[in-house]
Amino acid sequence: MQYFQAVQKGKERASKSQMKMFNVAGFSMLTLTTKKIDGKFFPVGEEEFTAVIESEDGHVAVIVDNDGFTKAQSKAVEKEEAISIFKKLIDSGIPEHSKKEIQIWSQTRPTIQNQI
């Protein structure tokens, strides 16, 4: 798949996740639309999982694909509020991301939703 095609397909998928986050959190930011694996670009996956991470500005609830690439995020909030958003996403039918880390922008971050 060419890079442009991966971006277009990934944007479509990430936008759906962004709207789900917006409906739960009242704010949502689109994050990644593509992922690079073995030097090739792919759109982010269609599947949706949720987790909480710590950022420089606070705690963030995220929606990720099966590989842990973020598609949408809440704004940075206090840990309790991020956990609340996470729980609302779970209640809406988005399962918890089972892996211990996610990929956001160019960084790998540990998930913290189980450190309650």
C-alpha atoms as a PDB file:
ATOM      1  CA  MET A   1       0.000   0.000   0.000  1.00  0.00           C
ATOM      2  CA  GLN A   2       1.295   3.438  -0.868  1.00  0.00           C
ATOM      3  CA  TYR A   3       1.798   5.959   1.927  1.00  0.00           C
ATOM      4  CA  PHE A   4      -1.003   8.242   0.694  1.00  0.00           C
ATOM      5  CA  GLN A   5      -3.464   5.328   0.604  1.00  0.00           C
ATOM      6  CA  ALA A   6      -2.437   4.269   4.116  1.00  0.00           C
ATOM      7  CA  VAL A   7      -2.984   7.824   5.393  1.00  0.00           C
ATOM      8  CA  GLN A   8      -6.437   8.073   3.792  1.00  0.00           C
ATOM      9  CA  LYS A   9      -7.628   4.704   5.138  1.00  0.00           C
ATOM     10  CA  GLY A  10      -6.057   5.347   8.533  1.00  0.00           C
ATOM     11  CA  LYS A  11      -7.655   8.789   8.810  1.00  0.00           C
ATOM     12  CA  GLU A  12     -11.065   7.273   8.139  1.00  0.00           C
ATOM     13  CA  ARG A  13     -10.534   4.660  10.869  1.00  0.00           C
ATOM     14  CA  ALA A  14      -9.008   7.059  13.403  1.00  0.00           C
ATOM     15  CA  SER A  15     -11.789   9.607  12.843  1.00  0.00           C
ATOM     16  CA  LYS A  16     -14.382   7.020  13.909  1.00  0.00           C
ATOM     17  CA  SER A  17     -12.423   6.420  17.115  1.00  0.00           C
ATOM     18  CA  GLN A  18     -12.068  10.157  17.635  1.00  0.00           C
ATOM     19  CA  MET A  19     -15.860  10.579  17.535  1.00  0.00           C
ATOM     20  CA  LYS A  20     -16.351   7.775  20.065  1.00  0.00           C
ATOM     21  CA  MET A  21     -13.850   9.431  22.403  1.00  0.00           C
ATOM     22  CA  PHE A  22     -15.546  12.796  21.897  1.00  0.00           C
ATOM     23  CA  ASN A  23     -18.946  11.318  22.791  1.00  0.00           C
ATOM     24  CA  VAL A  24     -17.575   9.951  26.064  1.00  0.00           C
ATOM     25  CA  ALA A  25     -15.028  12.609  27.075  1.00  0.00           C
ATOM     26  CA  GLY A  26     -16.381  15.807  25.477  1.00  0.00           C
ATOM     27  CA  PHE A  27     -13.002  16.311  23.800  1.00  0.00           C
ATOM     28  CA  SER A  28     -10.930  14.167  21.498  1.00  0.00           C
ATOM     29  CA  MET A  29      -7.789  14.555  19.490  1.00  0.00           C
ATOM     30  CA  LEU A  30      -6.916  12.465  16.454  1.00  0.00           C
ATOM     31  CA  THR A  31      -3.486  10.946  16.967  1.00  0.00           C
ATOM     32  CA  LEU A  32      -1.992   8.433  14.532  1.00  0.00           C
ATOM     33  CA  THR A  33      -3.410   7.505  11.137  1.00  0.00           C
ATOM     34  CA  THR A  34      -0.576   5.236  10.005  1.00  0.00           C
ATOM     35  CA  LYS A  35       1.856   2.810  11.534  1.00  0.00           C
ATOM     36  CA  LYS A  36       5.240   1.746  10.224  1.00  0.00           C
ATOM     37  CA  ILE A  37       6.060  -1.944  10.468  1.00  0.00           C
ATOM     38  CA  ASP A  38       9.232  -3.406   8.975  1.00  0.00           C
ATOM     39  CA  GLY A  39       9.802  -0.196   7.008  1.00  0.00           C
ATOM     40  CA  LYS A  40       6.343  -0.229   5.404  1.00  0.00           C
ATOM     41  CA  PHE A  41       3.403   2.050   6.128  1.00  0.00           C
ATOM     42  CA  PHE A  42      -0.012   0.680   7.035  1.00  0.00           C
ATOM     43  CA  PRO A  43      -3.224   2.387   8.133  1.00  0.00           C
ATOM     44  CA  VAL A  44      -4.049   2.059  11.827  1.00  0.00           C
ATOM     45  CA  GLY A  45      -6.255  -0.963  12.425  1.00  0.00           C
ATOM     46  CA  GLU A  46     -10.042  -0.963  12.477  1.00  0.00           C
ATOM     47  CA  GLU A  47     -10.231  -2.649  15.874  1.00  0.00           C
ATOM     48  CA  GLU A  48     -10.603  -0.513  18.993  1.00  0.00           C
ATOM     49  CA  PHE A  49      -9.230  -0.994  22.486  1.00  0.00           C
ATOM     50  CA  THR A  50      -8.881   1.490  25.326  1.00  0.00           C
ATOM     51  CA  ALA A  51      -6.175   2.238  27.891  1.00  0.00           C
ATOM     52  CA  VAL A  52      -4.839   5.041  30.083  1.00  0.00           C
ATOM     53  CA  ILE A  53      -1.329   6.452  29.862  1.00  0.00           C
ATOM     54  CA  GLU A  54       0.602   9.181  31.616  1.00  0.00           C
ATOM     55  CA  SER A  55       1.802  12.082  29.493  1.00  0.00           C
ATOM     56  CA  GLU A  56       3.957  15.101  30.291  1.00  0.00           C
ATOM     57  CA  ASP A  57       0.772  17.101  30.953  1.00  0.00           C
ATOM     58  CA  GLY A  58      -1.262  14.562  32.934  1.00  0.00           C
ATOM     59  CA  HIS A  59      -3.158  11.347  32.303  1.00  0.00           C
ATOM     60  CA  VAL A  60      -4.779  10.532  28.977  1.00  0.00           C
ATOM     61  CA  ALA A  61      -7.408   7.972  27.960  1.00  0.00           C
ATOM     62  CA  VAL A  62      -6.656   6.524  24.517  1.00  0.00           C
ATOM     63  CA  ILE A  63      -8.267   4.370  21.866  1.00  0.00           C
ATOM     64  CA  VAL A  64      -5.755   2.118  20.132  1.00  0.00           C
ATOM     65  CA  ASP A  65      -5.719  -0.574  17.472  1.00  0.00           C
ATOM     66  CA  ASN A  66      -4.736  -4.205  18.088  1.00  0.00           C
ATOM     67  CA  ASP A  67      -1.026  -3.362  17.810  1.00  0.00           C
ATOM     68  CA  GLY A  68      -1.320  -0.562  20.391  1.00  0.00           C
ATOM     69  CA  PHE A  69      -1.077   2.348  17.941  1.00  0.00           C
ATOM     70  CA  THR A  70      -3.180   5.241  19.214  1.00  0.00           C
ATOM     71  CA  LYS A  71      -5.996   6.527  17.054  1.00  0.00           C
ATOM     72  CA  ALA A  72      -7.610   9.009  19.443  1.00  0.00           C
ATOM     73  CA  GLN A  73      -6.979  10.486  22.870  1.00  0.00           C
ATOM     74  CA  SER A  74      -8.683  12.559  25.528  1.00  0.00           C
ATOM     75  CA  LYS A  75      -7.129  15.778  26.747  1.00  0.00           C
ATOM     76  CA  ALA A  76      -4.646  15.492  29.608  1.00  0.00           C
ATOM     77  CA  VAL A  77      -6.547  15.299  32.901  1.00  0.00           C
ATOM     78  CA  GLU A  78      -6.100  14.093  36.474  1.00  0.00           C
ATOM     79  CA  LYS A  79      -5.628  10.344  36.831  1.00  0.00           C
ATOM     80  CA  GLU A  80      -9.100   9.820  38.337  1.00  0.00           C
ATOM     81  CA  GLU A  81     -10.789  11.566  35.409  1.00  0.00           C
ATOM     82  CA  ALA A  82      -8.768   9.587  32.850  1.00  0.00           C
ATOM     83  CA  ILE A  83      -9.815   6.357  34.608  1.00  0.00           C
ATOM     84  CA  SER A  84     -13.431   7.557  34.536  1.00  0.00           C
ATOM     85  CA  ILE A  85     -13.226   8.154  30.764  1.00  0.00           C
ATOM     86  CA  PHE A  86     -11.589   4.737  30.362  1.00  0.00           C
ATOM     87  CA  LYS A  87     -14.464   3.096  32.278  1.00  0.00           C
ATOM     88  CA  LYS A  88     -17.044   4.912  30.139  1.00  0.00           C
ATOM     89  CA  LEU A  89     -15.296   3.637  26.999  1.00  0.00           C
ATOM     90  CA  ILE A  90     -15.390   0.106  28.443  1.00  0.00           C
ATOM     91  CA  ASP A  91     -19.108   0.538  29.216  1.00  0.00           C
ATOM     92  CA  SER A  92     -19.680   1.685  25.618  1.00  0.00           C
ATOM     93  CA  GLY A  93     -18.345  -1.650  24.370  1.00  0.00           C
ATOM     94  CA  ILE A  94     -14.667  -0.892  23.701  1.00  0.00           C
ATOM     95  CA  PRO A  95     -12.543  -3.555  25.426  1.00  0.00           C
ATOM     96  CA  GLU A  96      -9.401  -2.860  27.443  1.00  0.00           C
ATOM     97  CA  HIS A  97      -6.086  -3.018  25.616  1.00  0.00           C
ATOM     98  CA  SER A  98      -4.443  -6.075  27.156  1.00  0.00           C
ATOM     99  CA  LYS A  99      -0.828  -5.240  26.354  1.00  0.00           C
ATOM    100  CA  LYS A 100       1.350  -3.294  28.796  1.00  0.00           C
ATOM    101  CA  GLU A 101       2.271  -0.454  26.428  1.00  0.00           C
ATOM    102  CA  ILE A 102       0.993   1.602  23.517  1.00  0.00           C
ATOM    103  CA  GLN A 103       2.541   3.668  20.742  1.00  0.00           C
ATOM    104  CA  ILE A 104       1.633   7.365  20.690  1.00  0.00           C
ATOM    105  CA  TRP A 105       3.317   9.655  18.197  1.00  0.00           C
ATOM    106  CA  SER A 106       6.926   8.439  18.182  1.00  0.00           C
ATOM    107  CA  GLN A 107       6.887   7.263  21.800  1.00  0.00           C
ATOM    108  CA  THR A 108       6.105   3.996  23.522  1.00  0.00           C
ATOM    109  CA  ARG A 109       4.285   4.521  26.819  1.00  0.00           C
ATOM    110  CA  PRO A 110       3.233   2.057  29.513  1.00  0.00           C
ATOM    111  CA  THR A 111      -0.469   1.637  30.195  1.00  0.00           C
ATOM    112  CA  ILE A 112      -1.512   2.500  33.755  1.00  0.00           C
ATOM    113  CA  GLN A 113      -5.244   1.735  33.977  1.00  0.00           C
ATOM    114  CA  ASN A 114      -4.491  -1.278  36.187  1.00  0.00           C
ATOM    115  CA  GLN A 115      -2.558   0.805  38.741  1.00  0.00           C
ATOM    116  CA  ILE A 116      -5.737   1.928  40.474  1.00  0.00           C
END
